[in-house]
Amino acid sequence: FTIDIGNSQTAGNYRCEYQTEIEGRMAVSPFSNEVKIIFR
């Protein structure tokens, strides 16, 4: 994922998740750890 830093609103803590089909049904993963964007 590419994030363009336009202002301080784009700063913060980010995390991701995914979903995939397993045996005919959609399974959702837990959230990942967080990464932090600091605006200067």
PDB file of all heavy atoms in Angstrom:
ATOM      1  N   PHE A   1       0.854  -1.187   0.000  1.00  0.00           N
ATOM      2  CA  PHE A   1       0.000   0.000   0.000  1.00  0.00           C
ATOM      3  C   PHE A   1       0.893   1.242   0.000  1.00  0.00           C
ATOM      4  O   PHE A   1       1.832   1.336   0.805  1.00  0.00           O
ATOM      5  CB  PHE A   1      -0.923   0.026   1.218  1.00  0.00           C
ATOM      6  CG  PHE A   1      -1.913  -1.099   1.270  1.00  0.00           C
ATOM      7  CD1 PHE A   1      -1.707  -2.180   2.107  1.00  0.00           C
ATOM      8  CD2 PHE A   1      -3.057  -1.075   0.483  1.00  0.00           C
ATOM      9  CE1 PHE A   1      -2.626  -3.213   2.167  1.00  0.00           C
ATOM     10  CE2 PHE A   1      -3.980  -2.102   0.533  1.00  0.00           C
ATOM     11  CZ  PHE A   1      -3.757  -3.184   1.376  1.00  0.00           C
ATOM     12  N   THR A   2       0.604   2.204  -0.904  1.00  0.00           N
ATOM     13  CA  THR A   2       1.358   3.457  -0.984  1.00  0.00           C
ATOM     14  C   THR A   2       0.490   4.598  -0.466  1.00  0.00           C
ATOM     15  O   THR A   2      -0.630   4.801  -0.941  1.00  0.00           O
ATOM     16  CB  THR A   2       1.810   3.743  -2.418  1.00  0.00           C
ATOM     17  OG1 THR A   2       2.610   2.651  -2.887  1.00  0.00           O
ATOM     18  CG2 THR A   2       2.620   5.027  -2.479  1.00  0.00           C
ATOM     19  N   ILE A   3       1.016   5.342   0.489  1.00  0.00           N
ATOM     20  CA  ILE A   3       0.281   6.448   1.110  1.00  0.00           C
ATOM     21  C   ILE A   3       1.002   7.750   0.788  1.00  0.00           C
ATOM     22  O   ILE A   3       2.187   7.907   1.107  1.00  0.00           O
ATOM     23  CB  ILE A   3       0.173   6.258   2.635  1.00  0.00           C
ATOM     24  CG1 ILE A   3      -0.545   4.938   2.949  1.00  0.00           C
ATOM     25  CG2 ILE A   3      -0.550   7.428   3.284  1.00  0.00           C
ATOM     26  CD1 ILE A   3      -0.605   4.618   4.425  1.00  0.00           C
ATOM     27  N   ASP A   4       0.308   8.701   0.156  1.00  0.00           N
ATOM     28  CA  ASP A   4       0.851  10.029  -0.122  1.00  0.00           C
ATOM     29  C   ASP A   4       0.587  10.930   1.079  1.00  0.00           C
ATOM     30  O   ASP A   4      -0.564  11.104   1.498  1.00  0.00           O
ATOM     31  CB  ASP A   4       0.209  10.624  -1.376  1.00  0.00           C
ATOM     32  CG  ASP A   4       0.560   9.829  -2.626  1.00  0.00           C
ATOM     33  OD1 ASP A   4       1.700   9.345  -2.701  1.00  0.00           O
ATOM     34  OD2 ASP A   4      -0.306   9.688  -3.513  1.00  0.00           O
ATOM     35  N   ILE A   5       1.631  11.514   1.604  1.00  0.00           N
ATOM     36  CA  ILE A   5       1.510  12.371   2.776  1.00  0.00           C
ATOM     37  C   ILE A   5       1.132  13.777   2.309  1.00  0.00           C
ATOM     38  O   ILE A   5       1.961  14.522   1.787  1.00  0.00           O
ATOM     39  CB  ILE A   5       2.813  12.393   3.586  1.00  0.00           C
ATOM     40  CG1 ILE A   5       3.235  10.972   3.961  1.00  0.00           C
ATOM     41  CG2 ILE A   5       2.649  13.240   4.841  1.00  0.00           C
ATOM     42  CD1 ILE A   5       2.211  10.208   4.759  1.00  0.00           C
ATOM     43  N   GLY A   6      -0.141  14.121   2.476  1.00  0.00           N
ATOM     44  CA  GLY A   6      -0.609  15.441   2.081  1.00  0.00           C
ATOM     45  C   GLY A   6      -0.722  16.406   3.238  1.00  0.00           C
ATOM     46  O   GLY A   6      -0.486  17.603   3.089  1.00  0.00           O
ATOM     47  N   ASN A   7      -1.056  15.903   4.415  1.00  0.00           N
ATOM     48  CA  ASN A   7      -1.181  16.736   5.605  1.00  0.00           C
ATOM     49  C   ASN A   7      -1.077  15.844   6.833  1.00  0.00           C
ATOM     50  O   ASN A   7      -0.832  14.634   6.739  1.00  0.00           O
ATOM     51  CB  ASN A   7      -2.514  17.514   5.597  1.00  0.00           C
ATOM     52  CG  ASN A   7      -3.702  16.594   5.314  1.00  0.00           C
ATOM     53  OD1 ASN A   7      -3.872  15.549   5.953  1.00  0.00           O
ATOM     54  ND2 ASN A   7      -4.524  16.973   4.351  1.00  0.00           N
ATOM     55  N   SER A   8      -1.277  16.454   7.993  1.00  0.00           N
ATOM     56  CA  SER A   8      -1.145  15.709   9.248  1.00  0.00           C
ATOM     57  C   SER A   8      -2.239  14.663   9.438  1.00  0.00           C
ATOM     58  O   SER A   8      -2.108  13.772  10.284  1.00  0.00           O
ATOM     59  CB  SER A   8      -1.160  16.690  10.424  1.00  0.00           C
ATOM     60  OG  SER A   8      -2.388  17.425  10.440  1.00  0.00           O
ATOM     61  N   GLN A   9      -3.326  14.730   8.672  1.00  0.00           N
ATOM     62  CA  GLN A   9      -4.414  13.764   8.812  1.00  0.00           C
ATOM     63  C   GLN A   9      -3.994  12.359   8.370  1.00  0.00           C
ATOM     64  O   GLN A   9      -4.608  11.367   8.770  1.00  0.00           O
ATOM     65  CB  GLN A   9      -5.633  14.217   7.996  1.00  0.00           C
ATOM     66  CG  GLN A   9      -6.188  15.573   8.410  1.00  0.00           C
ATOM     67  CD  GLN A   9      -6.680  15.565   9.861  1.00  0.00           C
ATOM     68  OE1 GLN A   9      -7.238  14.583  10.323  1.00  0.00           O
ATOM     69  NE2 GLN A   9      -6.462  16.669  10.555  1.00  0.00           N
ATOM     70  N   THR A  10      -2.966  12.277   7.540  1.00  0.00           N
ATOM     71  CA  THR A  10      -2.523  10.957   7.069  1.00  0.00           C
ATOM     72  C   THR A  10      -1.634  10.254   8.090  1.00  0.00           C
ATOM     73  O   THR A  10      -1.316   9.081   7.912  1.00  0.00           O
ATOM     74  CB  THR A  10      -1.752  11.105   5.753  1.00  0.00           C
ATOM     75  OG1 THR A  10      -0.704  12.074   5.928  1.00  0.00           O
ATOM     76  CG2 THR A  10      -2.676  11.571   4.642  1.00  0.00           C
ATOM     77  N   ALA A  11      -1.229  10.947   9.131  1.00  0.00           N
ATOM     78  CA  ALA A  11      -0.425  10.308  10.171  1.00  0.00           C
ATOM     79  C   ALA A  11      -1.317   9.446  11.062  1.00  0.00           C
ATOM     80  O   ALA A  11      -2.538   9.575  11.076  1.00  0.00           O
ATOM     81  CB  ALA A  11       0.308  11.361  10.992  1.00  0.00           C
ATOM     82  N   GLY A  12      -0.679   8.525  11.794  1.00  0.00           N
ATOM     83  CA  GLY A  12      -1.427   7.671  12.704  1.00  0.00           C
ATOM     84  C   GLY A  12      -0.903   6.252  12.707  1.00  0.00           C
ATOM     85  O   GLY A  12       0.161   5.942  12.162  1.00  0.00           O
ATOM     86  N   ASN A  13      -1.671   5.356  13.342  1.00  0.00           N
ATOM     87  CA  ASN A  13      -1.313   3.941  13.451  1.00  0.00           C
ATOM     88  C   ASN A  13      -2.044   3.137  12.377  1.00  0.00           C
ATOM     89  O   ASN A  13      -3.260   3.256  12.230  1.00  0.00           O
ATOM     90  CB  ASN A  13      -1.670   3.408  14.838  1.00  0.00           C
ATOM     91  CG  ASN A  13      -0.906   4.118  15.945  1.00  0.00           C
ATOM     92  OD1 ASN A  13       0.281   4.390  15.798  1.00  0.00           O
ATOM     93  ND2 ASN A  13      -1.582   4.421  17.040  1.00  0.00           N
ATOM     94  N   TYR A  14      -1.295   2.321  11.658  1.00  0.00           N
ATOM     95  CA  TYR A  14      -1.858   1.513  10.568  1.00  0.00           C
ATOM     96  C   TYR A  14      -1.703   0.033  10.886  1.00  0.00           C
ATOM     97  O   TYR A  14      -0.697  -0.389  11.476  1.00  0.00           O
ATOM     98  CB  TYR A  14      -1.167   1.839   9.238  1.00  0.00           C
ATOM     99  CG  TYR A  14      -1.540   3.186   8.652  1.00  0.00           C
ATOM    100  CD1 TYR A  14      -0.932   4.356   9.102  1.00  0.00           C
ATOM    101  CD2 TYR A  14      -2.499   3.282   7.649  1.00  0.00           C
ATOM    102  CE1 TYR A  14      -1.275   5.587   8.565  1.00  0.00           C
ATOM    103  CE2 TYR A  14      -2.838   4.511   7.104  1.00  0.00           C
ATOM    104  CZ  TYR A  14      -2.224   5.657   7.564  1.00  0.00           C
ATOM    105  OH  TYR A  14      -2.558   6.876   7.029  1.00  0.00           O
ATOM    106  N   ARG A  15      -2.695  -0.761  10.461  1.00  0.00           N
ATOM    107  CA  ARG A  15      -2.646  -2.209  10.587  1.00  0.00           C
ATOM    108  C   ARG A  15      -3.446  -2.814   9.431  1.00  0.00           C
ATOM    109  O   ARG A  15      -4.251  -2.124   8.794  1.00  0.00           O
ATOM    110  CB  ARG A  15      -3.217  -2.665  11.924  1.00  0.00           C
ATOM    111  CG  ARG A  15      -4.661  -2.226  12.163  1.00  0.00           C
ATOM    112  CD  ARG A  15      -5.173  -2.705  13.497  1.00  0.00           C
ATOM    113  NE  ARG A  15      -6.572  -2.316  13.703  1.00  0.00           N
ATOM    114  CZ  ARG A  15      -7.330  -2.760  14.712  1.00  0.00           C
ATOM    115  NH1 ARG A  15      -6.816  -3.592  15.600  1.00  0.00           N
ATOM    116  NH2 ARG A  15      -8.582  -2.364  14.824  1.00  0.00           N
ATOM    117  N   CYS A  16      -3.241  -4.091   9.163  1.00  0.00           N
ATOM    118  CA  CYS A  16      -3.917  -4.708   8.030  1.00  0.00           C
ATOM    119  C   CYS A  16      -4.489  -6.073   8.422  1.00  0.00           C
ATOM    120  O   CYS A  16      -4.106  -6.667   9.435  1.00  0.00           O
ATOM    121  CB  CYS A  16      -2.967  -4.854   6.835  1.00  0.00           C
ATOM    122  SG  CYS A  16      -1.494  -5.842   7.144  1.00  0.00           S
ATOM    123  N   GLU A  17      -5.408  -6.550   7.596  1.00  0.00           N
ATOM    124  CA  GLU A  17      -6.020  -7.874   7.717  1.00  0.00           C
ATOM    125  C   GLU A  17      -6.325  -8.367   6.308  1.00  0.00           C
ATOM    126  O   GLU A  17      -6.197  -7.614   5.335  1.00  0.00           O
ATOM    127  CB  GLU A  17      -7.304  -7.805   8.552  1.00  0.00           C
ATOM    128  CG  GLU A  17      -8.385  -6.951   7.923  1.00  0.00           C
ATOM    129  CD  GLU A  17      -9.698  -7.007   8.684  1.00  0.00           C
ATOM    130  OE1 GLU A  17      -9.842  -7.859   9.571  1.00  0.00           O
ATOM    131  OE2 GLU A  17     -10.587  -6.189   8.375  1.00  0.00           O
ATOM    132  N   TYR A  18      -6.718  -9.638   6.181  1.00  0.00           N
ATOM    133  CA  TYR A  18      -7.070 -10.180   4.867  1.00  0.00           C
ATOM    134  C   TYR A  18      -8.155 -11.232   5.031  1.00  0.00           C
ATOM    135  O   TYR A  18      -8.375 -11.777   6.136  1.00  0.00           O
ATOM    136  CB  TYR A  18      -5.847 -10.785   4.169  1.00  0.00           C
ATOM    137  CG  TYR A  18      -5.269 -11.997   4.843  1.00  0.00           C
ATOM    138  CD1 TYR A  18      -5.670 -13.286   4.469  1.00  0.00           C
ATOM    139  CD2 TYR A  18      -4.314 -11.879   5.850  1.00  0.00           C
ATOM    140  CE1 TYR A  18      -5.135 -14.412   5.076  1.00  0.00           C
ATOM    141  CE2 TYR A  18      -3.776 -12.993   6.456  1.00  0.00           C
ATOM    142  CZ  TYR A  18      -4.180 -14.261   6.075  1.00  0.00           C
ATOM    143  OH  TYR A  18      -3.653 -15.372   6.684  1.00  0.00           O
ATOM    144  N   GLN A  19      -8.823 -11.481   3.938  1.00  0.00           N
ATOM    145  CA  GLN A  19      -9.786 -12.569   3.888  1.00  0.00           C
ATOM    146  C   GLN A  19      -9.511 -13.424   2.650  1.00  0.00           C
ATOM    147  O   GLN A  19      -9.063 -12.925   1.625  1.00  0.00           O
ATOM    148  CB  GLN A  19     -11.225 -12.044   3.867  1.00  0.00           C
ATOM    149  CG  GLN A  19     -11.609 -11.268   2.617  1.00  0.00           C
ATOM    150  CD  GLN A  19     -13.075 -10.873   2.607  1.00  0.00           C
ATOM    151  OE1 GLN A  19     -13.760 -10.959   3.622  1.00  0.00           O
ATOM    152  NE2 GLN A  19     -13.554 -10.422   1.457  1.00  0.00           N
ATOM    153  N   THR A  20      -9.760 -14.739   2.781  1.00  0.00           N
ATOM    154  CA  THR A  20      -9.511 -15.669   1.692  1.00  0.00           C
ATOM    155  C   THR A  20     -10.505 -16.822   1.778  1.00  0.00           C
ATOM    156  O   THR A  20     -11.043 -17.119   2.856  1.00  0.00           O
ATOM    157  CB  THR A  20      -8.070 -16.197   1.745  1.00  0.00           C
ATOM    158  OG1 THR A  20      -7.826 -17.041   0.624  1.00  0.00           O
ATOM    159  CG2 THR A  20      -7.809 -16.969   3.020  1.00  0.00           C
ATOM    160  N   GLU A  21     -10.751 -17.452   0.654  1.00  0.00           N
ATOM    161  CA  GLU A  21     -11.717 -18.546   0.609  1.00  0.00           C
ATOM    162  C   GLU A  21     -11.035 -19.868   0.971  1.00  0.00           C
ATOM    163  O   GLU A  21     -10.043 -20.256   0.355  1.00  0.00           O
ATOM    164  CB  GLU A  21     -12.337 -18.651  -0.785  1.00  0.00           C
ATOM    165  CG  GLU A  21     -13.422 -19.721  -0.884  1.00  0.00           C
ATOM    166  CD  GLU A  21     -14.078 -19.753  -2.246  1.00  0.00           C
ATOM    167  OE1 GLU A  21     -13.921 -18.772  -3.010  1.00  0.00           O
ATOM    168  OE2 GLU A  21     -14.739 -20.772  -2.552  1.00  0.00           O
ATOM    169  N   ILE A  22     -11.592 -20.558   1.969  1.00  0.00           N
ATOM    170  CA  ILE A  22     -11.066 -21.846   2.426  1.00  0.00           C
ATOM    171  C   ILE A  22     -12.219 -22.841   2.506  1.00  0.00           C
ATOM    172  O   ILE A  22     -13.180 -22.622   3.246  1.00  0.00           O
ATOM    173  CB  ILE A  22     -10.375 -21.713   3.803  1.00  0.00           C
ATOM    174  CG1 ILE A  22      -9.229 -20.698   3.730  1.00  0.00           C
ATOM    175  CG2 ILE A  22      -9.848 -23.062   4.275  1.00  0.00           C
ATOM    176  CD1 ILE A  22      -8.548 -20.451   5.059  1.00  0.00           C
ATOM    177  N   GLU A  23     -12.114 -23.881   1.700  1.00  0.00           N
ATOM    178  CA  GLU A  23     -13.124 -24.942   1.696  1.00  0.00           C
ATOM    179  C   GLU A  23     -14.534 -24.391   1.472  1.00  0.00           C
ATOM    180  O   GLU A  23     -15.492 -24.765   2.176  1.00  0.00           O
ATOM    181  CB  GLU A  23     -13.060 -25.751   2.988  1.00  0.00           C
ATOM    182  CG  GLU A  23     -11.742 -26.480   3.216  1.00  0.00           C
ATOM    183  CD  GLU A  23     -11.446 -27.511   2.138  1.00  0.00           C
ATOM    184  OE1 GLU A  23     -12.407 -28.137   1.641  1.00  0.00           O
ATOM    185  OE2 GLU A  23     -10.257 -27.680   1.778  1.00  0.00           O
ATOM    186  N   GLY A  24     -14.644 -23.458   0.522  1.00  0.00           N
ATOM    187  CA  GLY A  24     -15.948 -22.947   0.131  1.00  0.00           C
ATOM    188  C   GLY A  24     -16.500 -21.838   0.991  1.00  0.00           C
ATOM    189  O   GLY A  24     -17.626 -21.386   0.757  1.00  0.00           O
ATOM    190  N   ARG A  25     -15.764 -21.337   1.946  1.00  0.00           N
ATOM    191  CA  ARG A  25     -16.259 -20.229   2.784  1.00  0.00           C
ATOM    192  C   ARG A  25     -15.155 -19.187   2.961  1.00  0.00           C
ATOM    193  O   ARG A  25     -13.960 -19.507   2.879  1.00  0.00           O
ATOM    194  CB  ARG A  25     -16.734 -20.733   4.148  1.00  0.00           C
ATOM    195  CG  ARG A  25     -15.631 -21.323   5.012  1.00  0.00           C
ATOM    196  CD  ARG A  25     -16.201 -21.877   6.307  1.00  0.00           C
ATOM    197  NE  ARG A  25     -15.159 -22.414   7.180  1.00  0.00           N
ATOM    198  CZ  ARG A  25     -14.539 -21.710   8.101  1.00  0.00           C
ATOM    199  NH1 ARG A  25     -14.839 -20.421   8.276  1.00  0.00           N
ATOM    200  NH2 ARG A  25     -13.631 -22.277   8.874  1.00  0.00           N
ATOM    201  N   MET A  26     -15.565 -17.934   3.194  1.00  0.00           N
ATOM    202  CA  MET A  26     -14.615 -16.841   3.370  1.00  0.00           C
ATOM    203  C   MET A  26     -14.145 -16.813   4.819  1.00  0.00           C
ATOM    204  O   MET A  26     -14.948 -16.772   5.748  1.00  0.00           O
ATOM    205  CB  MET A  26     -15.235 -15.505   2.987  1.00  0.00           C
ATOM    206  CG  MET A  26     -15.651 -15.409   1.524  1.00  0.00           C
ATOM    207  SD  MET A  26     -14.271 -15.667   0.364  1.00  0.00           S
ATOM    208  CE  MET A  26     -13.233 -14.282   0.782  1.00  0.00           C
ATOM    209  N   ALA A  27     -12.853 -16.853   5.006  1.00  0.00           N
ATOM    210  CA  ALA A  27     -12.252 -16.791   6.341  1.00  0.00           C
ATOM    211  C   ALA A  27     -11.484 -15.484   6.466  1.00  0.00           C
ATOM    212  O   ALA A  27     -10.746 -15.091   5.558  1.00  0.00           O
ATOM    213  CB  ALA A  27     -11.338 -17.986   6.564  1.00  0.00           C
ATOM    214  N   VAL A  28     -11.656 -14.809   7.610  1.00  0.00           N
ATOM    215  CA  VAL A  28     -11.019 -13.513   7.862  1.00  0.00           C
ATOM    216  C   VAL A  28      -9.934 -13.692   8.906  1.00  0.00           C
ATOM    217  O   VAL A  28     -10.149 -14.337   9.943  1.00  0.00           O
ATOM    218  CB  VAL A  28     -12.058 -12.468   8.324  1.00  0.00           C
ATOM    219  CG1 VAL A  28     -11.365 -11.115   8.564  1.00  0.00           C
ATOM    220  CG2 VAL A  28     -13.162 -12.322   7.284  1.00  0.00           C
ATOM    221  N   SER A  29      -8.790 -13.115   8.652  1.00  0.00           N
ATOM    222  CA  SER A  29      -7.651 -13.221   9.568  1.00  0.00           C
ATOM    223  C   SER A  29      -7.772 -12.208  10.701  1.00  0.00           C
ATOM    224  O   SER A  29      -8.508 -11.211  10.578  1.00  0.00           O
ATOM    225  CB  SER A  29      -6.352 -12.983   8.815  1.00  0.00           C
ATOM    226  OG  SER A  29      -6.217 -11.602   8.488  1.00  0.00           O
ATOM    227  N   PRO A  30      -7.036 -12.398  11.789  1.00  0.00           N
ATOM    228  CA  PRO A  30      -6.931 -11.343  12.808  1.00  0.00           C
ATOM    229  C   PRO A  30      -6.134 -10.168  12.262  1.00  0.00           C
ATOM    230  O   PRO A  30      -5.515 -10.243  11.200  1.00  0.00           O
ATOM    231  CB  PRO A  30      -6.185 -12.035  13.958  1.00  0.00           C
ATOM    232  CG  PRO A  30      -6.275 -13.499  13.675  1.00  0.00           C
ATOM    233  CD  PRO A  30      -6.349 -13.632  12.189  1.00  0.00           C
ATOM    234  N   PHE A  31      -6.130  -9.044  13.016  1.00  0.00           N
ATOM    235  CA  PHE A  31      -5.356  -7.876  12.611  1.00  0.00           C
ATOM    236  C   PHE A  31      -3.861  -8.115  12.852  1.00  0.00           C
ATOM    237  O   PHE A  31      -3.462  -8.876  13.739  1.00  0.00           O
ATOM    238  CB  PHE A  31      -5.802  -6.628  13.382  1.00  0.00           C
ATOM    239  CG  PHE A  31      -7.089  -6.043  12.888  1.00  0.00           C
ATOM    240  CD1 PHE A  31      -8.269  -6.239  13.597  1.00  0.00           C
ATOM    241  CD2 PHE A  31      -7.131  -5.304  11.719  1.00  0.00           C
ATOM    242  CE1 PHE A  31      -9.461  -5.702  13.150  1.00  0.00           C
ATOM    243  CE2 PHE A  31      -8.321  -4.764  11.258  1.00  0.00           C
ATOM    244  CZ  PHE A  31      -9.495  -4.966  11.975  1.00  0.00           C
ATOM    245  N   SER A  32      -3.084  -7.453  12.059  1.00  0.00           N
ATOM    246  CA  SER A  32      -1.630  -7.500  12.237  1.00  0.00           C
ATOM    247  C   SER A  32      -1.215  -6.571  13.367  1.00  0.00           C
ATOM    248  O   SER A  32      -2.049  -5.894  13.984  1.00  0.00           O
ATOM    249  CB  SER A  32      -0.938  -7.068  10.940  1.00  0.00           C
ATOM    250  OG  SER A  32      -1.196  -5.689  10.688  1.00  0.00           O
ATOM    251  N   ASN A  33       0.084  -6.514  13.629  1.00  0.00           N
ATOM    252  CA  ASN A  33       0.602  -5.479  14.531  1.00  0.00           C
ATOM    253  C   ASN A  33       0.462  -4.115  13.872  1.00  0.00           C
ATOM    254  O   ASN A  33       0.143  -4.014  12.682  1.00  0.00           O
ATOM    255  CB  ASN A  33       2.067  -5.766  14.873  1.00  0.00           C
ATOM    256  CG  ASN A  33       2.229  -7.051  15.660  1.00  0.00           C
ATOM    257  OD1 ASN A  33       1.359  -7.425  16.443  1.00  0.00           O
ATOM    258  ND2 ASN A  33       3.353  -7.736  15.454  1.00  0.00           N
ATOM    259  N   GLU A  34       0.731  -3.054  14.621  1.00  0.00           N
ATOM    260  CA  GLU A  34       0.579  -1.694  14.106  1.00  0.00           C
ATOM    261  C   GLU A  34       1.929  -1.084  13.752  1.00  0.00           C
ATOM    262  O   GLU A  34       2.948  -1.371  14.384  1.00  0.00           O
ATOM    263  CB  GLU A  34      -0.129  -0.802  15.129  1.00  0.00           C
ATOM    264  CG  GLU A  34      -1.581  -1.166  15.370  1.00  0.00           C
ATOM    265  CD  GLU A  34      -2.266  -0.204  16.326  1.00  0.00           C
ATOM    266  OE1 GLU A  34      -1.539   0.569  16.998  1.00  0.00           O
ATOM    267  OE2 GLU A  34      -3.503  -0.201  16.400  1.00  0.00           O
ATOM    268  N   VAL A  35       1.907  -0.247  12.713  1.00  0.00           N
ATOM    269  CA  VAL A  35       3.045   0.618  12.379  1.00  0.00           C
ATOM    270  C   VAL A  35       2.567   2.061  12.480  1.00  0.00           C
ATOM    271  O   VAL A  35       1.403   2.361  12.208  1.00  0.00           O
ATOM    272  CB  VAL A  35       3.603   0.315  10.976  1.00  0.00           C
ATOM    273  CG1 VAL A  35       4.227  -1.064  10.934  1.00  0.00           C
ATOM    274  CG2 VAL A  35       2.531   0.440   9.903  1.00  0.00           C
ATOM    275  N   LYS A  36       3.463   2.954  12.859  1.00  0.00           N
ATOM    276  CA  LYS A  36       3.073   4.339  13.139  1.00  0.00           C
ATOM    277  C   LYS A  36       3.744   5.298  12.174  1.00  0.00           C
ATOM    278  O   LYS A  36       4.972   5.267  11.988  1.00  0.00           O
ATOM    279  CB  LYS A  36       3.442   4.713  14.579  1.00  0.00           C
ATOM    280  CG  LYS A  36       2.911   6.073  15.011  1.00  0.00           C
ATOM    281  CD  LYS A  36       3.190   6.308  16.482  1.00  0.00           C
ATOM    282  CE  LYS A  36       2.568   7.625  16.949  1.00  0.00           C
ATOM    283  NZ  LYS A  36       2.804   7.845  18.416  1.00  0.00           N
ATOM    284  N   ILE A  37       2.936   6.168  11.554  1.00  0.00           N
ATOM    285  CA  ILE A  37       3.442   7.240  10.696  1.00  0.00           C
ATOM    286  C   ILE A  37       3.439   8.535  11.500  1.00  0.00           C
ATOM    287  O   ILE A  37       2.400   8.942  12.040  1.00  0.00           O
ATOM    288  CB  ILE A  37       2.595   7.392   9.419  1.00  0.00           C
ATOM    289  CG1 ILE A  37       2.704   6.127   8.561  1.00  0.00           C
ATOM    290  CG2 ILE A  37       3.031   8.613   8.622  1.00  0.00           C
ATOM    291  CD1 ILE A  37       1.885   6.182   7.296  1.00  0.00           C
ATOM    292  N   ILE A  38       4.589   9.201  11.590  1.00  0.00           N
ATOM    293  CA  ILE A  38       4.748  10.437  12.358  1.00  0.00           C
ATOM    294  C   ILE A  38       4.923  11.592  11.377  1.00  0.00           C
ATOM    295  O   ILE A  38       5.819  11.567  10.525  1.00  0.00           O
ATOM    296  CB  ILE A  38       5.956  10.349  13.305  1.00  0.00           C
ATOM    297  CG1 ILE A  38       5.785   9.149  14.253  1.00  0.00           C
ATOM    298  CG2 ILE A  38       6.119  11.638  14.096  1.00  0.00           C
ATOM    299  CD1 ILE A  38       6.992   8.896  15.124  1.00  0.00           C
ATOM    300  N   PHE A  39       4.084  12.605  11.508  1.00  0.00           N
ATOM    301  CA  PHE A  39       4.121  13.761  10.601  1.00  0.00           C
ATOM    302  C   PHE A  39       4.971  14.866  11.214  1.00  0.00           C
ATOM    303  O   PHE A  39       4.811  15.222  12.382  1.00  0.00           O
ATOM    304  CB  PHE A  39       2.697  14.267  10.348  1.00  0.00           C
ATOM    305  CG  PHE A  39       2.628  15.440   9.401  1.00  0.00           C
ATOM    306  CD1 PHE A  39       2.716  15.255   8.031  1.00  0.00           C
ATOM    307  CD2 PHE A  39       2.491  16.727   9.888  1.00  0.00           C
ATOM    308  CE1 PHE A  39       2.662  16.325   7.166  1.00  0.00           C
ATOM    309  CE2 PHE A  39       2.434  17.804   9.036  1.00  0.00           C
ATOM    310  CZ  PHE A  39       2.514  17.596   7.666  1.00  0.00           C
ATOM    311  N   ARG A  40       5.880  15.422  10.411  1.00  0.00           N
ATOM    312  CA  ARG A  40       6.724  16.538  10.828  1.00  0.00           C
ATOM    313  C   ARG A  40       6.539  17.689   9.863  1.00  0.00           C
ATOM    314  O   ARG A  40       6.501  17.487   8.653  1.00  0.00           O
ATOM    315  CB  ARG A  40       8.203  16.126  10.842  1.00  0.00           C
ATOM    316  CG  ARG A  40       8.541  15.065  11.883  1.00  0.00           C
ATOM    317  CD  ARG A  40       8.673  15.673  13.255  1.00  0.00           C
ATOM    318  NE  ARG A  40       9.049  14.679  14.244  1.00  0.00           N
ATOM    319  CZ  ARG A  40      10.305  14.334  14.513  1.00  0.00           C
ATOM    320  NH1 ARG A  40      11.282  14.892  13.841  1.00  0.00           N
ATOM    321  NH2 ARG A  40      10.567  13.445  15.437  1.00  0.00           N
TER     322      ARG A  40
END
